[in-house]
Amino acid sequence: QVQLVESGGDLVQPGGSLRLSCAASGLMFSIYHMGWYRQAPGKQRELVAIITSGGRTNYEDSVRDRFTISRDNAKNTMYLQMNSLKPEDTAVYYCNADGQAWGNYWGQGTQVTVSS
């Protein structure tokens, strides 16, 4: 059974930092493209950042210079380092694993709140 478990969400002040983690099990992690998505109240879920199985990365424009996505295939874990957080970053952050023909999976989400 595939499981994606996010952690690291918290309440943080504007300008602060957080690191999210996504621990994967039940799949061949190294072959999956991994991504972070977020959904704010009343808005659609949006892509934040992706990292391919080969390690290429891409970011949504508003986070490009502030967030860093990474993965550790030995630990079956993906990370999102978030710096210079803004109130508009407040959302539930979801981990996604896209194995194309091997399946597409979501975690349960972790809440990030940026507020003073």
Protein backbone atom coordinates (compact mmCIF):
# COMPACT_ATOMS: atom_id res chain seq x y z
CA GLN A 1 0.00 0.00 0.00
CA VAL A 2 1.36 3.37 -1.03
CA GLN A 3 1.57 6.01 1.67
CA LEU A 4 2.75 9.61 1.47
CA VAL A 5 3.02 11.33 4.83
CA GLU A 6 3.68 15.05 5.01
CA SER A 7 5.07 16.77 8.08
CA GLY A 8 6.58 20.07 9.10
CA GLY A 9 3.63 22.40 8.72
CA ASP A 10 3.25 25.03 11.41
CA LEU A 11 2.29 28.58 12.29
CA VAL A 12 5.12 30.94 11.40
CA GLN A 13 5.56 34.70 11.25
CA PRO A 14 6.02 36.52 7.94
CA GLY A 15 9.65 36.31 6.87
CA GLY A 16 10.13 33.01 8.67
CA SER A 17 11.14 29.60 7.37
CA LEU A 18 9.78 26.07 7.43
CA ARG A 19 10.90 22.75 6.00
CA LEU A 20 8.25 20.32 4.89
CA SER A 21 8.94 16.62 4.51
CA CYS A 22 7.10 13.93 2.57
CA ALA A 23 7.93 10.36 3.58
CA ALA A 24 6.95 7.77 1.00
CA SER A 25 6.42 4.05 1.42
CA GLY A 26 5.04 1.22 -0.66
CA LEU A 27 6.46 2.47 -3.96
CA MET A 28 9.75 2.57 -5.85
CA PHE A 29 10.40 6.14 -4.82
CA SER A 30 13.35 6.81 -7.11
CA ILE A 31 11.35 6.38 -10.32
CA TYR A 32 8.57 8.78 -9.31
CA HIS A 33 8.37 12.43 -10.21
CA MET A 34 7.53 14.20 -6.96
CA GLY A 35 5.74 17.45 -6.34
CA TRP A 36 4.40 19.83 -3.75
CA TYR A 37 1.00 21.38 -4.24
CA ARG A 38 -0.98 23.73 -2.04
CA GLN A 39 -4.58 24.71 -1.57
CA ALA A 40 -5.67 27.87 0.18
CA PRO A 41 -9.22 28.31 1.50
CA GLY A 42 -11.62 28.99 -1.35
CA LYS A 43 -8.99 28.40 -4.02
CA GLN A 44 -8.04 25.56 -6.31
CA ARG A 45 -5.10 23.33 -5.59
CA GLU A 46 -1.99 24.65 -7.33
CA LEU A 47 1.44 23.32 -8.14
CA VAL A 48 4.22 24.78 -6.00
CA ALA A 49 7.29 22.83 -7.10
CA ILE A 50 8.25 19.60 -8.77
CA ILE A 51 11.35 17.44 -8.87
CA THR A 52 11.68 14.74 -11.49
CA SER A 53 13.09 11.27 -10.98
CA GLY A 54 16.27 12.63 -12.54
CA GLY A 55 16.45 15.58 -10.15
CA ARG A 56 15.31 18.40 -12.41
CA THR A 57 13.26 21.02 -10.62
CA ASN A 58 10.66 23.61 -11.51
CA TYR A 59 8.78 26.15 -9.43
CA GLU A 60 5.68 28.26 -9.48
CA ASP A 61 6.75 31.84 -10.19
CA SER A 62 5.78 33.30 -6.81
CA VAL A 63 7.98 30.85 -4.88
CA ARG A 64 10.88 30.44 -7.30
CA ASP A 65 13.41 32.50 -5.34
CA ARG A 66 12.19 31.50 -1.88
CA PHE A 67 11.45 27.76 -1.91
CA THR A 68 13.74 24.82 -2.64
CA ILE A 69 12.52 21.33 -3.44
CA SER A 70 14.80 18.34 -2.94
CA ARG A 71 14.67 14.58 -2.56
CA ASP A 72 16.66 11.88 -0.82
CA ASN A 73 16.07 8.62 -2.64
CA ALA A 74 17.95 6.66 0.02
CA LYS A 75 15.40 7.85 2.60
CA ASN A 76 12.36 7.79 0.29
CA THR A 77 11.74 11.38 1.31
CA MET A 78 11.08 14.67 -0.44
CA TYR A 79 11.55 18.08 1.12
CA LEU A 80 10.41 21.65 0.60
CA GLN A 81 12.53 24.33 2.21
CA MET A 82 10.45 27.49 2.45
CA ASN A 83 12.14 30.79 3.25
CA SER A 84 10.88 34.37 3.43
CA LEU A 85 7.36 33.13 3.98
CA LYS A 86 4.47 35.46 3.21
CA PRO A 87 0.85 35.44 4.40
CA GLU A 88 -0.20 34.43 0.88
CA ASP A 89 1.76 31.19 1.32
CA THR A 90 -0.84 30.09 3.88
CA ALA A 91 -2.39 26.85 2.64
CA VAL A 92 -2.57 23.12 3.10
CA TYR A 93 0.49 21.66 1.39
CA TYR A 94 0.18 18.29 -0.32
CA CYS A 95 2.78 15.82 -1.50
CA ASN A 96 2.26 14.13 -4.87
CA ALA A 97 3.99 11.13 -6.40
CA ASP A 98 3.59 10.69 -10.15
CA GLY A 99 4.80 7.38 -11.51
CA GLN A 100 2.86 7.80 -14.78
CA ALA A 101 1.89 4.23 -15.66
CA TRP A 102 2.85 3.17 -12.13
CA GLY A 103 0.21 5.38 -10.55
CA ASN A 104 -0.38 8.81 -9.05
CA TYR A 105 -0.66 9.30 -5.30
CA TRP A 106 -1.40 12.07 -2.79
CA GLY A 107 -0.63 12.65 0.84
CA GLN A 108 -3.10 13.91 3.40
CA GLY A 109 -1.64 17.40 3.59
CA THR A 110 0.03 19.58 6.20
CA GLN A 111 -1.13 23.04 7.23
CA VAL A 112 1.16 26.03 6.80
CA THR A 113 -0.05 29.28 8.31
CA VAL A 114 1.92 32.50 7.91
CA SER A 115 0.64 35.17 10.24
CA SER A 116 1.85 37.69 12.77
